[in-house]
Structures are given as C-alpha cells and as structure tokens.
Amino acid sequence: MLSALIRNLRIIGTAALCLGASAAQADNYPSRNITLVLPFAAGSGTDTTTRLISQHLSQALGVGIVIENKAGANGMIAATYVARAAPDGYTLLVTTNTTHSANPYLLKSLTYDPVKDFTPIARTGDLPFMLVVHPEVPAKTVGELVAYGKANPGKLSYASGSSSAIVSGATFAHNAGLDLLHVPYKSSPPALNDVMGGRVSMMFVDILTGLPHVQGNALRALAVTTKDRSPLVPNLPSMQEAGVPDFDISSWQGYFGPAGMPKEIVTRLNAEIRKIVEKPEIKAQLATLGMDAFSGTPEQLGTFVNEQLVLWERLIRDAGIEKQ
C-alpha cells in the first residue's frame, strides 16, 4: 500500500512538473522564430496574403516569421507536416478549404484528420475565385463557353492547383452539362502558366493570382464563383448570374497549429492576428489582393471547419467526384 502511494505521488509530481513547464513555455512565448507552413507555392493567393499579414505579426510578437511553402498532394504534405509537429506554437499551418474541407472527400489515403489533428487559431478571410480562359478559346461569356463545350465535347480542359479549383471545375462541368478534361497541378502558378500557354483551356483561380494576367490580356475572365459579384472585379458576373445554377464557391483562409497547443499561446496568437486583420488600412490592402478580410475566435473557426466539411462533402458528391 505504501509503495502504491509513493508511485501515485510520483505520477502526480511528474504531472505537476509538466504543467509547470507548459505554463512557463506559454509565459515566455514566443522566444524564437515562428514558421508558417503553406500548402501552396510561392506566388499563390494564400502565399501573398500570408506574407502581408506575417510582416505585421512579426512586429507584434517581436520575433521573425519564416514562410515555408510545401506544395503538393493537394496540400496533404504541408498539413501532415504541421499535424506531426510539436504543439508549441512555433510551427503553424496557414491553409484553406483545400486541406480542411475538401481533401477528406477527395483523397482515399488522407494522412491527417482536419479536426482531431489541429488546433484552430484564427480565420483571416475569404478569397473568391474566378473563371479564366485562354484568349484563343472562342468564348467571351460563360454562356458562349457552355455552348462551345456542348458543340465540341471533350475539346475543353481545365487546370487545377488546389482542391477548391478541382471542385469548382467539376461543379461547373456537372451543373452546365459539359465534358471537360481535368489537368491537375501541384499549385496554382504552374497551372496558370499552362493556361496562358494555351496547353489547357481554362481554370478556376483566386482573383489575386489571376487578375494581373487578365489585366495584361494573357487571360480572359468570364465570371466569379461567389453568389454575388466581387467589388474587386465588379464588371464580372457571378456564375449563377451567367446561367450556371447552384454555383457558390470561395476559398477561406485560416491559421492552425498541431493538436494540443497550450490555450495561452492560442489566445495570444488569435488576439494578435485579429488586431492585424481588423485594422482598416490592412483590410484595404488585403482587399486589393482579392481577399475579404475578417476574423473571429478559435472556437468560431473550429465550428466553421465542421460546417465546411458538411458543405464540401455535398459539393463533391453533387459534382460526381470520386476519391482518388
């Protein structure tokens, strides 16, 4: 009985030491550089907006912010890397619905759980998509594109650099009754290059990444994917307005850490990110990058992820996409 009591006291003592170490770690946070892991290539919409926010986050926290792009496998490489990192607040994932809404219903062998393996920190906003085509595609409206596609089945192709783009393309094909060839890429920039080069007909791309090429006449934009027009490109109709029913897709963006992060660290990060995103001048800068910036609590992000999983399961099922 005495030995059992001693053993229990040792266990309690060890637990107390661990709690004390965790509290001390949170009190001293951050004491070194923080790495933000992105599932997309440099130059993508998420990369550009994250770099802007990270400049201000670095100043607020007093440490350096390192951006690490780990594109590939529909974001699974980056998400798995962060899921397996130490939950100390020094390795975070900045991601979108690609990894945390769509992948569970697109990939057979998912190496992470978007809910159980992560700590929600802060949502930072939405990035609408737009449909762009190569200038030689004989269509200046979505209606003309649909008519051309139906008259020439199998001739049109669409590129994708994310799960959001995959689902957007498949939803368009399904809802418009088109036969489109899907050409997947690791990330949006190389996919966009092949659309501009004429090797692929079209693509759904975030406004930030695609708009400069539209303005330079390397691409033609036909519509935005949200139910309403975007103030950044007010001349473009929505897909629904252009005649494609039940089309309302956008890419959200948020910060996550590995599961089990100390609450104090999550609270600190959330507070600083929210301060940054809610500053009028930064919201205006992000708007010029095609991002509707806003934030909320970690709990709100967690609830939102669960809601988005339900939504994207339906989108993927309705589009007839099978797991790969």
C-alpha atoms as a PDB file:
ATOM      1  CA  MET A   1       0.000   0.000   0.000  1.00  0.00           C
ATOM      2  CA  LEU A   2       2.855   2.343   0.858  1.00  0.00           C
ATOM      3  CA  SER A   3       4.578   1.578  -2.441  1.00  0.00           C
ATOM      4  CA  ALA A   4       1.354   2.319  -4.322  1.00  0.00           C
ATOM      5  CA  LEU A   5       1.038   5.649  -2.507  1.00  0.00           C
ATOM      6  CA  ILE A   6       4.626   6.566  -3.373  1.00  0.00           C
ATOM      7  CA  ARG A   7       4.036   5.619  -7.025  1.00  0.00           C
ATOM      8  CA  ASN A   8       0.899   7.783  -7.176  1.00  0.00           C
ATOM      9  CA  LEU A   9       2.747  10.703  -5.620  1.00  0.00           C
ATOM     10  CA  ARG A  10       5.470  10.354  -8.266  1.00  0.00           C
ATOM     11  CA  ILE A  11       2.857  10.401 -11.018  1.00  0.00           C
ATOM     12  CA  ILE A  12       1.215  13.494  -9.533  1.00  0.00           C
ATOM     13  CA  GLY A  13       4.608  15.161  -9.175  1.00  0.00           C
ATOM     14  CA  THR A  14       5.538  14.404 -12.772  1.00  0.00           C
ATOM     15  CA  ALA A  15       2.204  15.775 -13.994  1.00  0.00           C
ATOM     16  CA  ALA A  16       2.702  18.934 -11.949  1.00  0.00           C
ATOM     17  CA  LEU A  17       6.168  19.413 -13.414  1.00  0.00           C
ATOM     18  CA  CYS A  18       4.781  19.002 -16.940  1.00  0.00           C
ATOM     19  CA  LEU A  19       2.022  21.529 -16.262  1.00  0.00           C
ATOM     20  CA  GLY A  20       4.563  23.913 -14.796  1.00  0.00           C
ATOM     21  CA  ALA A  21       6.826  23.553 -17.822  1.00  0.00           C
ATOM     22  CA  SER A  22       3.872  24.119 -20.163  1.00  0.00           C
ATOM     23  CA  ALA A  23       2.828  27.263 -18.279  1.00  0.00           C
ATOM     24  CA  ALA A  24       6.390  28.595 -18.312  1.00  0.00           C
ATOM     25  CA  GLN A  25       6.623  27.909 -22.042  1.00  0.00           C
ATOM     26  CA  ALA A  26       3.391  29.823 -22.641  1.00  0.00           C
ATOM     27  CA  ASP A  27       4.577  32.738 -20.469  1.00  0.00           C
ATOM     28  CA  ASN A  28       7.798  33.035 -22.496  1.00  0.00           C
ATOM     29  CA  TYR A  29       6.092  32.648 -25.880  1.00  0.00           C
ATOM     30  CA  PRO A  30       7.403  33.471 -28.370  1.00  0.00           C
ATOM     31  CA  SER A  31      11.122  33.273 -27.691  1.00  0.00           C
ATOM     32  CA  ARG A  32      12.271  32.341 -31.207  1.00  0.00           C
ATOM     33  CA  ASN A  33      11.185  32.476 -34.836  1.00  0.00           C
ATOM     34  CA  ILE A  34       7.806  31.047 -35.843  1.00  0.00           C
ATOM     35  CA  THR A  35       7.421  29.005 -39.032  1.00  0.00           C
ATOM     36  CA  LEU A  36       4.241  29.366 -41.084  1.00  0.00           C
ATOM     37  CA  VAL A  37       3.818  26.342 -43.348  1.00  0.00           C
ATOM     38  CA  LEU A  38       1.755  26.869 -46.509  1.00  0.00           C
ATOM     39  CA  PRO A  39       0.349  24.074 -48.705  1.00  0.00           C
ATOM     40  CA  PHE A  40       0.740  26.206 -51.836  1.00  0.00           C
ATOM     41  CA  ALA A  41       3.619  27.533 -53.913  1.00  0.00           C
ATOM     42  CA  ALA A  42       5.146  30.997 -53.658  1.00  0.00           C
ATOM     43  CA  GLY A  43       3.091  33.473 -55.647  1.00  0.00           C
ATOM     44  CA  SER A  44      -0.255  31.842 -54.876  1.00  0.00           C
ATOM     45  CA  GLY A  45      -3.061  33.869 -53.314  1.00  0.00           C
ATOM     46  CA  THR A  46      -2.609  32.324 -49.871  1.00  0.00           C
ATOM     47  CA  ASP A  47       1.142  32.902 -50.045  1.00  0.00           C
ATOM     48  CA  THR A  48       0.782  36.585 -50.921  1.00  0.00           C
ATOM     49  CA  THR A  49      -1.813  37.431 -48.270  1.00  0.00           C
ATOM     50  CA  THR A  50       0.092  35.441 -45.624  1.00  0.00           C
ATOM     51  CA  ARG A  51       3.302  37.350 -46.332  1.00  0.00           C
ATOM     52  CA  LEU A  52       1.481  40.644 -45.817  1.00  0.00           C
ATOM     53  CA  ILE A  53      -0.096  39.535 -42.534  1.00  0.00           C
ATOM     54  CA  SER A  54       3.145  37.923 -41.327  1.00  0.00           C
ATOM     55  CA  GLN A  55       5.053  41.216 -41.595  1.00  0.00           C
ATOM     56  CA  HIS A  56       2.713  42.753 -39.036  1.00  0.00           C
ATOM     57  CA  LEU A  57       2.570  39.581 -36.930  1.00  0.00           C
ATOM     58  CA  SER A  58       6.362  39.561 -36.684  1.00  0.00           C
ATOM     59  CA  GLN A  59       6.331  43.138 -35.389  1.00  0.00           C
ATOM     60  CA  ALA A  60       3.558  42.376 -32.894  1.00  0.00           C
ATOM     61  CA  LEU A  61       5.259  39.275 -31.476  1.00  0.00           C
ATOM     62  CA  GLY A  62       8.818  40.589 -31.642  1.00  0.00           C
ATOM     63  CA  VAL A  63      10.217  37.536 -33.451  1.00  0.00           C
ATOM     64  CA  GLY A  64      10.874  36.557 -37.051  1.00  0.00           C
ATOM     65  CA  ILE A  65       8.241  34.795 -39.146  1.00  0.00           C
ATOM     66  CA  VAL A  66       9.540  32.203 -41.607  1.00  0.00           C
ATOM     67  CA  ILE A  67       7.296  31.244 -44.557  1.00  0.00           C
ATOM     68  CA  GLU A  68       7.787  27.648 -45.672  1.00  0.00           C
ATOM     69  CA  ASN A  69       5.991  26.591 -48.871  1.00  0.00           C
ATOM     70  CA  LYS A  70       5.272  22.858 -49.022  1.00  0.00           C
ATOM     71  CA  ALA A  71       3.119  22.481 -52.126  1.00  0.00           C
ATOM     72  CA  GLY A  72       1.925  19.156 -53.482  1.00  0.00           C
ATOM     73  CA  ALA A  73      -0.543  16.312 -52.914  1.00  0.00           C
ATOM     74  CA  ASN A  74      -3.475  18.753 -52.642  1.00  0.00           C
ATOM     75  CA  GLY A  75      -1.886  20.298 -49.556  1.00  0.00           C
ATOM     76  CA  MET A  76      -1.530  16.978 -47.748  1.00  0.00           C
ATOM     77  CA  ILE A  77       2.265  17.334 -47.430  1.00  0.00           C
ATOM     78  CA  ALA A  78       2.040  20.643 -45.560  1.00  0.00           C
ATOM     79  CA  ALA A  79      -0.936  19.653 -43.415  1.00  0.00           C
ATOM     80  CA  THR A  80       0.659  16.367 -42.340  1.00  0.00           C
ATOM     81  CA  TYR A  81       3.944  18.120 -41.554  1.00  0.00           C
ATOM     82  CA  VAL A  82       2.240  20.535 -39.153  1.00  0.00           C
ATOM     83  CA  ALA A  83      -0.047  17.876 -37.673  1.00  0.00           C
ATOM     84  CA  ARG A  84       3.065  15.934 -36.618  1.00  0.00           C
ATOM     85  CA  ALA A  85       4.985  18.963 -35.309  1.00  0.00           C
ATOM     86  CA  ALA A  86       5.419  19.820 -31.630  1.00  0.00           C
ATOM     87  CA  PRO A  87       2.349  21.710 -30.330  1.00  0.00           C
ATOM     88  CA  ASP A  88       4.462  24.566 -29.002  1.00  0.00           C
ATOM     89  CA  GLY A  89       3.243  27.364 -31.286  1.00  0.00           C
ATOM     90  CA  TYR A  90       6.407  27.549 -33.384  1.00  0.00           C
ATOM     91  CA  THR A  91       5.117  25.546 -36.365  1.00  0.00           C
ATOM     92  CA  LEU A  92       1.747  26.684 -37.724  1.00  0.00           C
ATOM     93  CA  LEU A  93      -0.311  25.940 -40.814  1.00  0.00           C
ATOM     94  CA  VAL A  94      -1.884  28.696 -42.895  1.00  0.00           C
ATOM     95  CA  THR A  95      -4.357  26.903 -45.092  1.00  0.00           C
ATOM     96  CA  THR A  96      -7.711  26.906 -46.861  1.00  0.00           C
ATOM     97  CA  ASN A  97     -10.675  24.663 -47.513  1.00  0.00           C
ATOM     98  CA  THR A  98      -8.377  22.580 -49.731  1.00  0.00           C
ATOM     99  CA  THR A  99      -6.877  20.758 -46.733  1.00  0.00           C
ATOM    100  CA  HIS A 100      -9.616  21.297 -44.163  1.00  0.00           C
ATOM    101  CA  SER A 101     -12.857  20.917 -46.150  1.00  0.00           C
ATOM    102  CA  ALA A 102     -12.323  19.160 -49.474  1.00  0.00           C
ATOM    103  CA  ASN A 103      -9.460  16.681 -49.054  1.00  0.00           C
ATOM    104  CA  PRO A 104     -11.333  14.273 -46.746  1.00  0.00           C
ATOM    105  CA  TYR A 105     -13.778  13.651 -49.607  1.00  0.00           C
ATOM    106  CA  LEU A 106     -11.255  13.736 -52.465  1.00  0.00           C
ATOM    107  CA  LEU A 107      -8.389  11.572 -51.203  1.00  0.00           C
ATOM    108  CA  LYS A 108      -8.579   7.908 -50.200  1.00  0.00           C
ATOM    109  CA  SER A 109      -5.354   7.904 -48.187  1.00  0.00           C
ATOM    110  CA  LEU A 110      -5.514  11.089 -46.135  1.00  0.00           C
ATOM    111  CA  THR A 111      -2.597  11.246 -43.693  1.00  0.00           C
ATOM    112  CA  TYR A 112      -4.193  13.702 -41.249  1.00  0.00           C
ATOM    113  CA  ASP A 113      -7.565  14.471 -39.680  1.00  0.00           C
ATOM    114  CA  PRO A 114      -8.603  18.118 -40.255  1.00  0.00           C
ATOM    115  CA  VAL A 115     -10.403  18.262 -36.903  1.00  0.00           C
ATOM    116  CA  LYS A 116      -8.604  15.908 -34.500  1.00  0.00           C
ATOM    117  CA  ASP A 117      -5.027  16.711 -35.586  1.00  0.00           C
ATOM    118  CA  PHE A 118      -5.192  20.519 -35.372  1.00  0.00           C
ATOM    119  CA  THR A 119      -5.793  23.412 -33.012  1.00  0.00           C
ATOM    120  CA  PRO A 120      -7.873  26.193 -34.648  1.00  0.00           C
ATOM    121  CA  ILE A 121      -6.319  29.626 -34.095  1.00  0.00           C
ATOM    122  CA  ALA A 122      -7.873  32.302 -36.320  1.00  0.00           C
ATOM    123  CA  ARG A 123      -9.719  32.706 -39.583  1.00  0.00           C
ATOM    124  CA  THR A 124      -8.410  35.568 -41.708  1.00  0.00           C
ATOM    125  CA  GLY A 125     -10.893  35.873 -44.583  1.00  0.00           C
ATOM    126  CA  ASP A 126     -12.195  34.607 -47.910  1.00  0.00           C
ATOM    127  CA  LEU A 127     -10.589  34.544 -51.359  1.00  0.00           C
ATOM    128  CA  PRO A 128     -13.139  34.372 -54.212  1.00  0.00           C
ATOM    129  CA  PHE A 129     -12.291  32.510 -57.406  1.00  0.00           C
ATOM    130  CA  MET A 130     -12.888  33.496 -60.998  1.00  0.00           C
ATOM    131  CA  LEU A 131     -13.166  31.506 -64.211  1.00  0.00           C
ATOM    132  CA  VAL A 132     -10.436  32.402 -66.712  1.00  0.00           C
ATOM    133  CA  VAL A 133      -9.829  31.060 -70.215  1.00  0.00           C
ATOM    134  CA  HIS A 134      -7.016  31.280 -72.745  1.00  0.00           C
ATOM    135  CA  PRO A 135      -7.694  34.204 -75.137  1.00  0.00           C
ATOM    136  CA  GLU A 136      -7.972  31.836 -78.104  1.00  0.00           C
ATOM    137  CA  VAL A 137     -10.905  29.979 -76.552  1.00  0.00           C
ATOM    138  CA  PRO A 138     -13.857  31.219 -78.657  1.00  0.00           C
ATOM    139  CA  ALA A 139     -15.976  32.459 -75.755  1.00  0.00           C
ATOM    140  CA  LYS A 140     -16.362  35.879 -74.165  1.00  0.00           C
ATOM    141  CA  THR A 141     -19.127  34.838 -71.764  1.00  0.00           C
ATOM    142  CA  VAL A 142     -19.914  31.762 -69.705  1.00  0.00           C
ATOM    143  CA  GLY A 143     -22.917  31.138 -71.941  1.00  0.00           C
ATOM    144  CA  GLU A 144     -20.714  31.115 -75.044  1.00  0.00           C
ATOM    145  CA  LEU A 145     -18.241  28.795 -73.301  1.00  0.00           C
ATOM    146  CA  VAL A 146     -21.009  26.344 -72.399  1.00  0.00           C
ATOM    147  CA  ALA A 147     -22.378  26.445 -75.954  1.00  0.00           C
ATOM    148  CA  TYR A 148     -18.901  25.836 -77.411  1.00  0.00           C
ATOM    149  CA  GLY A 149     -18.241  22.997 -74.972  1.00  0.00           C
ATOM    150  CA  LYS A 150     -21.502  21.263 -75.813  1.00  0.00           C
ATOM    151  CA  ALA A 151     -20.845  21.615 -79.540  1.00  0.00           C
ATOM    152  CA  ASN A 152     -17.304  20.248 -79.086  1.00  0.00           C
ATOM    153  CA  PRO A 153     -17.469  17.561 -76.348  1.00  0.00           C
ATOM    154  CA  GLY A 154     -14.087  16.614 -74.894  1.00  0.00           C
ATOM    155  CA  LYS A 155     -12.253  19.536 -76.519  1.00  0.00           C
ATOM    156  CA  LEU A 156     -12.156  21.819 -73.472  1.00  0.00           C
ATOM    157  CA  SER A 157      -9.874  21.180 -70.494  1.00  0.00           C
ATOM    158  CA  TYR A 158      -9.478  22.772 -67.076  1.00  0.00           C
ATOM    159  CA  ALA A 159      -6.389  23.069 -64.884  1.00  0.00           C
ATOM    160  CA  SER A 160      -6.392  22.923 -61.090  1.00  0.00           C
ATOM    161  CA  GLY A 161      -3.806  23.809 -58.474  1.00  0.00           C
ATOM    162  CA  SER A 162      -5.900  23.115 -55.381  1.00  0.00           C
ATOM    163  CA  SER A 163      -8.845  21.076 -54.187  1.00  0.00           C
ATOM    164  CA  SER A 164     -11.011  24.203 -54.417  1.00  0.00           C
ATOM    165  CA  ALA A 165     -10.143  24.521 -58.101  1.00  0.00           C
ATOM    166  CA  ILE A 166     -10.806  20.808 -58.667  1.00  0.00           C
ATOM    167  CA  VAL A 167     -14.260  21.069 -57.131  1.00  0.00           C
ATOM    168  CA  SER A 168     -15.020  24.335 -58.956  1.00  0.00           C
ATOM    169  CA  GLY A 169     -14.167  22.763 -62.314  1.00  0.00           C
ATOM    170  CA  ALA A 170     -16.095  19.570 -61.636  1.00  0.00           C
ATOM    171  CA  THR A 171     -19.103  21.532 -60.349  1.00  0.00           C
ATOM    172  CA  PHE A 172     -19.073  23.673 -63.496  1.00  0.00           C
ATOM    173  CA  ALA A 173     -18.904  20.595 -65.732  1.00  0.00           C
ATOM    174  CA  HIS A 174     -21.698  18.879 -63.806  1.00  0.00           C
ATOM    175  CA  ASN A 175     -24.045  21.857 -63.455  1.00  0.00           C
ATOM    176  CA  ALA A 176     -23.544  23.040 -67.052  1.00  0.00           C
ATOM    177  CA  GLY A 177     -23.633  19.538 -68.556  1.00  0.00           C
ATOM    178  CA  LEU A 178     -20.135  19.685 -70.069  1.00  0.00           C
ATOM    179  CA  ASP A 179     -17.480  17.072 -70.827  1.00  0.00           C
ATOM    180  CA  LEU A 180     -14.242  18.663 -69.541  1.00  0.00           C
ATOM    181  CA  LEU A 181     -10.770  17.114 -69.274  1.00  0.00           C
ATOM    182  CA  HIS A 182      -9.209  17.716 -65.843  1.00  0.00           C
ATOM    183  CA  VAL A 183      -5.455  18.517 -65.760  1.00  0.00           C
ATOM    184  CA  PRO A 184      -4.159  18.664 -62.136  1.00  0.00           C
ATOM    185  CA  TYR A 185      -1.069  20.590 -60.932  1.00  0.00           C
ATOM    186  CA  LYS A 186       0.778  20.944 -57.610  1.00  0.00           C
ATOM    187  CA  SER A 187      -0.229  24.593 -57.195  1.00  0.00           C
ATOM    188  CA  SER A 188      -1.964  27.460 -58.974  1.00  0.00           C
ATOM    189  CA  PRO A 189       1.020  29.321 -60.525  1.00  0.00           C
ATOM    190  CA  PRO A 190       2.226  26.415 -62.758  1.00  0.00           C
ATOM    191  CA  ALA A 191      -1.370  25.576 -63.652  1.00  0.00           C
ATOM    192  CA  LEU A 192      -1.972  29.174 -64.654  1.00  0.00           C
ATOM    193  CA  ASN A 193       1.199  29.179 -66.763  1.00  0.00           C
ATOM    194  CA  ASP A 194      -0.135  26.304 -68.850  1.00  0.00           C
ATOM    195  CA  VAL A 195      -3.484  28.032 -69.336  1.00  0.00           C
ATOM    196  CA  MET A 196      -1.662  31.169 -70.505  1.00  0.00           C
ATOM    197  CA  GLY A 197       0.494  29.000 -72.764  1.00  0.00           C
ATOM    198  CA  GLY A 198      -2.592  27.504 -74.390  1.00  0.00           C
ATOM    199  CA  ARG A 199      -1.896  23.957 -73.212  1.00  0.00           C
ATOM    200  CA  VAL A 200      -5.077  23.983 -71.088  1.00  0.00           C
ATOM    201  CA  SER A 201      -8.312  25.799 -71.963  1.00  0.00           C
ATOM    202  CA  MET A 202      -9.432  27.248 -68.648  1.00  0.00           C
ATOM    203  CA  MET A 203      -9.037  27.387 -64.890  1.00  0.00           C
ATOM    204  CA  PHE A 204     -10.762  28.495 -61.710  1.00  0.00           C
ATOM    205  CA  VAL A 205      -8.205  30.629 -59.872  1.00  0.00           C
ATOM    206  CA  ASP A 206      -8.260  33.040 -56.943  1.00  0.00           C
ATOM    207  CA  ILE A 207      -8.668  36.660 -58.023  1.00  0.00           C
ATOM    208  CA  LEU A 208      -5.305  37.705 -56.603  1.00  0.00           C
ATOM    209  CA  THR A 209      -3.355  35.187 -58.674  1.00  0.00           C
ATOM    210  CA  GLY A 210      -5.352  35.543 -61.868  1.00  0.00           C
ATOM    211  CA  LEU A 211      -6.231  39.236 -62.117  1.00  0.00           C
ATOM    212  CA  PRO A 212      -2.788  40.601 -63.141  1.00  0.00           C
ATOM    213  CA  HIS A 213      -2.757  38.206 -66.100  1.00  0.00           C
ATOM    214  CA  VAL A 214      -6.295  39.213 -67.054  1.00  0.00           C
ATOM    215  CA  GLN A 215      -5.287  42.872 -66.935  1.00  0.00           C
ATOM    216  CA  GLY A 216      -2.258  42.025 -69.101  1.00  0.00           C
ATOM    217  CA  ASN A 217      -4.537  40.305 -71.658  1.00  0.00           C
ATOM    218  CA  ALA A 218      -2.825  36.931 -71.167  1.00  0.00           C
ATOM    219  CA  LEU A 219      -6.144  35.530 -69.919  1.00  0.00           C
ATOM    220  CA  ARG A 220      -9.822  36.338 -70.336  1.00  0.00           C
ATOM    221  CA  ALA A 221     -12.011  36.378 -67.219  1.00  0.00           C
ATOM    222  CA  LEU A 222     -15.623  35.270 -67.586  1.00  0.00           C
ATOM    223  CA  ALA A 223     -17.163  35.147 -64.094  1.00  0.00           C
ATOM    224  CA  VAL A 224     -16.600  34.962 -60.336  1.00  0.00           C
ATOM    225  CA  THR A 225     -17.560  31.866 -58.357  1.00  0.00           C
ATOM    226  CA  THR A 226     -19.379  33.518 -55.442  1.00  0.00           C
ATOM    227  CA  LYS A 227     -23.139  34.100 -55.492  1.00  0.00           C
ATOM    228  CA  ASP A 228     -22.587  37.874 -55.726  1.00  0.00           C
ATOM    229  CA  ARG A 229     -20.216  39.973 -57.821  1.00  0.00           C
ATOM    230  CA  SER A 230     -16.848  40.879 -56.326  1.00  0.00           C
ATOM    231  CA  PRO A 231     -16.123  44.585 -55.668  1.00  0.00           C
ATOM    232  CA  LEU A 232     -12.597  43.956 -56.963  1.00  0.00           C
ATOM    233  CA  VAL A 233     -13.912  42.950 -60.416  1.00  0.00           C
ATOM    234  CA  PRO A 234     -17.433  44.433 -60.482  1.00  0.00           C
ATOM    235  CA  ASN A 235     -17.729  44.007 -64.244  1.00  0.00           C
ATOM    236  CA  LEU A 236     -17.648  40.214 -63.934  1.00  0.00           C
ATOM    237  CA  PRO A 237     -20.958  38.403 -63.365  1.00  0.00           C
ATOM    238  CA  SER A 238     -21.306  35.598 -60.859  1.00  0.00           C
ATOM    239  CA  MET A 239     -21.501  32.056 -62.252  1.00  0.00           C
ATOM    240  CA  GLN A 240     -25.166  31.896 -61.243  1.00  0.00           C
ATOM    241  CA  GLU A 241     -25.849  35.250 -62.880  1.00  0.00           C
ATOM    242  CA  ALA A 242     -24.133  33.923 -66.011  1.00  0.00           C
ATOM    243  CA  GLY A 243     -26.526  30.983 -66.169  1.00  0.00           C
ATOM    244  CA  VAL A 244     -24.840  28.173 -64.201  1.00  0.00           C
ATOM    245  CA  PRO A 245     -27.265  27.103 -61.444  1.00  0.00           C
ATOM    246  CA  ASP A 246     -26.338  26.357 -57.812  1.00  0.00           C
ATOM    247  CA  PHE A 247     -22.797  27.715 -58.057  1.00  0.00           C
ATOM    248  CA  ASP A 248     -21.362  29.459 -54.980  1.00  0.00           C
ATOM    249  CA  ILE A 249     -17.757  28.530 -54.142  1.00  0.00           C
ATOM    250  CA  SER A 250     -14.979  30.509 -52.478  1.00  0.00           C
ATOM    251  CA  SER A 251     -11.759  29.738 -50.653  1.00  0.00           C
ATOM    252  CA  TRP A 252     -11.496  30.602 -46.962  1.00  0.00           C
ATOM    253  CA  GLN A 253      -8.186  31.066 -45.148  1.00  0.00           C
ATOM    254  CA  GLY A 254      -7.175  30.292 -41.571  1.00  0.00           C
ATOM    255  CA  TYR A 255      -4.335  29.640 -39.112  1.00  0.00           C
ATOM    256  CA  PHE A 256      -3.987  26.282 -37.342  1.00  0.00           C
ATOM    257  CA  GLY A 257      -1.470  24.619 -35.043  1.00  0.00           C
ATOM    258  CA  PRO A 258      -0.935  20.966 -34.119  1.00  0.00           C
ATOM    259  CA  ALA A 259      -3.463  19.436 -31.717  1.00  0.00           C
ATOM    260  CA  GLY A 260      -2.766  20.055 -28.047  1.00  0.00           C
ATOM    261  CA  MET A 261      -1.404  23.601 -28.172  1.00  0.00           C
ATOM    262  CA  PRO A 262      -1.466  25.473 -24.829  1.00  0.00           C
ATOM    263  CA  LYS A 263      -4.555  27.669 -24.592  1.00  0.00           C
ATOM    264  CA  GLU A 264      -2.470  30.697 -23.575  1.00  0.00           C
ATOM    265  CA  ILE A 265      -0.460  30.515 -26.812  1.00  0.00           C
ATOM    266  CA  VAL A 266      -3.591  30.073 -28.932  1.00  0.00           C
ATOM    267  CA  THR A 267      -5.203  33.066 -27.216  1.00  0.00           C
ATOM    268  CA  ARG A 268      -2.117  35.243 -27.797  1.00  0.00           C
ATOM    269  CA  LEU A 269      -1.847  34.315 -31.475  1.00  0.00           C
ATOM    270  CA  ASN A 270      -5.563  34.805 -32.057  1.00  0.00           C
ATOM    271  CA  ALA A 271      -5.516  38.231 -30.411  1.00  0.00           C
ATOM    272  CA  GLU A 272      -2.578  39.462 -32.491  1.00  0.00           C
ATOM    273  CA  ILE A 273      -3.922  38.082 -35.786  1.00  0.00           C
ATOM    274  CA  ARG A 274      -7.340  39.614 -35.158  1.00  0.00           C
ATOM    275  CA  LYS A 275      -5.819  43.018 -34.368  1.00  0.00           C
ATOM    276  CA  ILE A 276      -3.918  42.904 -37.667  1.00  0.00           C
ATOM    277  CA  VAL A 277      -6.793  41.725 -39.858  1.00  0.00           C
ATOM    278  CA  GLU A 278      -9.254  44.204 -38.339  1.00  0.00           C
ATOM    279  CA  LYS A 279      -7.083  47.294 -38.962  1.00  0.00           C
ATOM    280  CA  PRO A 280      -8.825  49.346 -41.701  1.00  0.00           C
ATOM    281  CA  GLU A 281      -5.605  50.018 -43.603  1.00  0.00           C
ATOM    282  CA  ILE A 282      -4.651  46.316 -43.640  1.00  0.00           C
ATOM    283  CA  LYS A 283      -8.181  45.270 -44.617  1.00  0.00           C
ATOM    284  CA  ALA A 284      -7.874  47.709 -47.521  1.00  0.00           C
ATOM    285  CA  GLN A 285      -4.509  46.255 -48.556  1.00  0.00           C
ATOM    286  CA  LEU A 286      -5.877  42.719 -48.409  1.00  0.00           C
ATOM    287  CA  ALA A 287      -8.899  43.810 -50.448  1.00  0.00           C
ATOM    288  CA  THR A 288      -6.586  44.930 -53.256  1.00  0.00           C
ATOM    289  CA  LEU A 289      -5.191  41.377 -53.152  1.00  0.00           C
ATOM    290  CA  GLY A 290      -8.667  39.938 -53.649  1.00  0.00           C
ATOM    291  CA  MET A 291      -9.254  38.969 -50.022  1.00  0.00           C
ATOM    292  CA  ASP A 292     -12.319  39.770 -47.941  1.00  0.00           C
ATOM    293  CA  ALA A 293     -10.542  40.005 -44.574  1.00  0.00           C
ATOM    294  CA  PHE A 294     -12.207  39.269 -41.235  1.00  0.00           C
ATOM    295  CA  SER A 295     -11.533  37.130 -38.184  1.00  0.00           C
ATOM    296  CA  GLY A 296     -13.045  35.565 -35.079  1.00  0.00           C
ATOM    297  CA  THR A 297     -12.312  33.321 -32.130  1.00  0.00           C
ATOM    298  CA  PRO A 298     -10.581  29.915 -32.244  1.00  0.00           C
ATOM    299  CA  GLU A 299     -13.900  28.336 -31.248  1.00  0.00           C
ATOM    300  CA  GLN A 300     -15.665  30.013 -34.168  1.00  0.00           C
ATOM    301  CA  LEU A 301     -13.041  28.683 -36.566  1.00  0.00           C
ATOM    302  CA  GLY A 302     -13.457  25.174 -35.159  1.00  0.00           C
ATOM    303  CA  THR A 303     -17.228  25.333 -35.637  1.00  0.00           C
ATOM    304  CA  PHE A 304     -16.768  26.780 -39.125  1.00  0.00           C
ATOM    305  CA  VAL A 305     -14.456  23.914 -40.162  1.00  0.00           C
ATOM    306  CA  ASN A 306     -17.078  21.365 -39.129  1.00  0.00           C
ATOM    307  CA  GLU A 307     -19.748  23.242 -41.098  1.00  0.00           C
ATOM    308  CA  GLN A 308     -17.490  23.463 -44.147  1.00  0.00           C
ATOM    309  CA  LEU A 309     -16.804  19.726 -44.052  1.00  0.00           C
ATOM    310  CA  VAL A 310     -20.540  19.130 -44.394  1.00  0.00           C
ATOM    311  CA  LEU A 311     -20.811  21.677 -47.233  1.00  0.00           C
ATOM    312  CA  TRP A 312     -17.857  20.356 -49.220  1.00  0.00           C
ATOM    313  CA  GLU A 313     -18.993  16.770 -48.847  1.00  0.00           C
ATOM    314  CA  ARG A 314     -22.213  17.799 -50.581  1.00  0.00           C
ATOM    315  CA  LEU A 315     -20.432  19.828 -53.279  1.00  0.00           C
ATOM    316  CA  ILE A 316     -18.105  16.943 -54.098  1.00  0.00           C
ATOM    317  CA  ARG A 317     -20.907  14.374 -54.048  1.00  0.00           C
ATOM    318  CA  ASP A 318     -23.172  16.507 -56.248  1.00  0.00           C
ATOM    319  CA  ALA A 319     -20.333  17.082 -58.733  1.00  0.00           C
ATOM    320  CA  GLY A 320     -19.840  13.321 -59.014  1.00  0.00           C
ATOM    321  CA  ILE A 321     -16.167  13.399 -57.983  1.00  0.00           C
ATOM    322  CA  GLU A 322     -14.774  10.063 -56.799  1.00  0.00           C
ATOM    323  CA  LYS A 323     -11.971   9.709 -54.243  1.00  0.00           C
ATOM    324  CA  GLN A 324      -8.535   9.231 -55.777  1.00  0.00           C
END
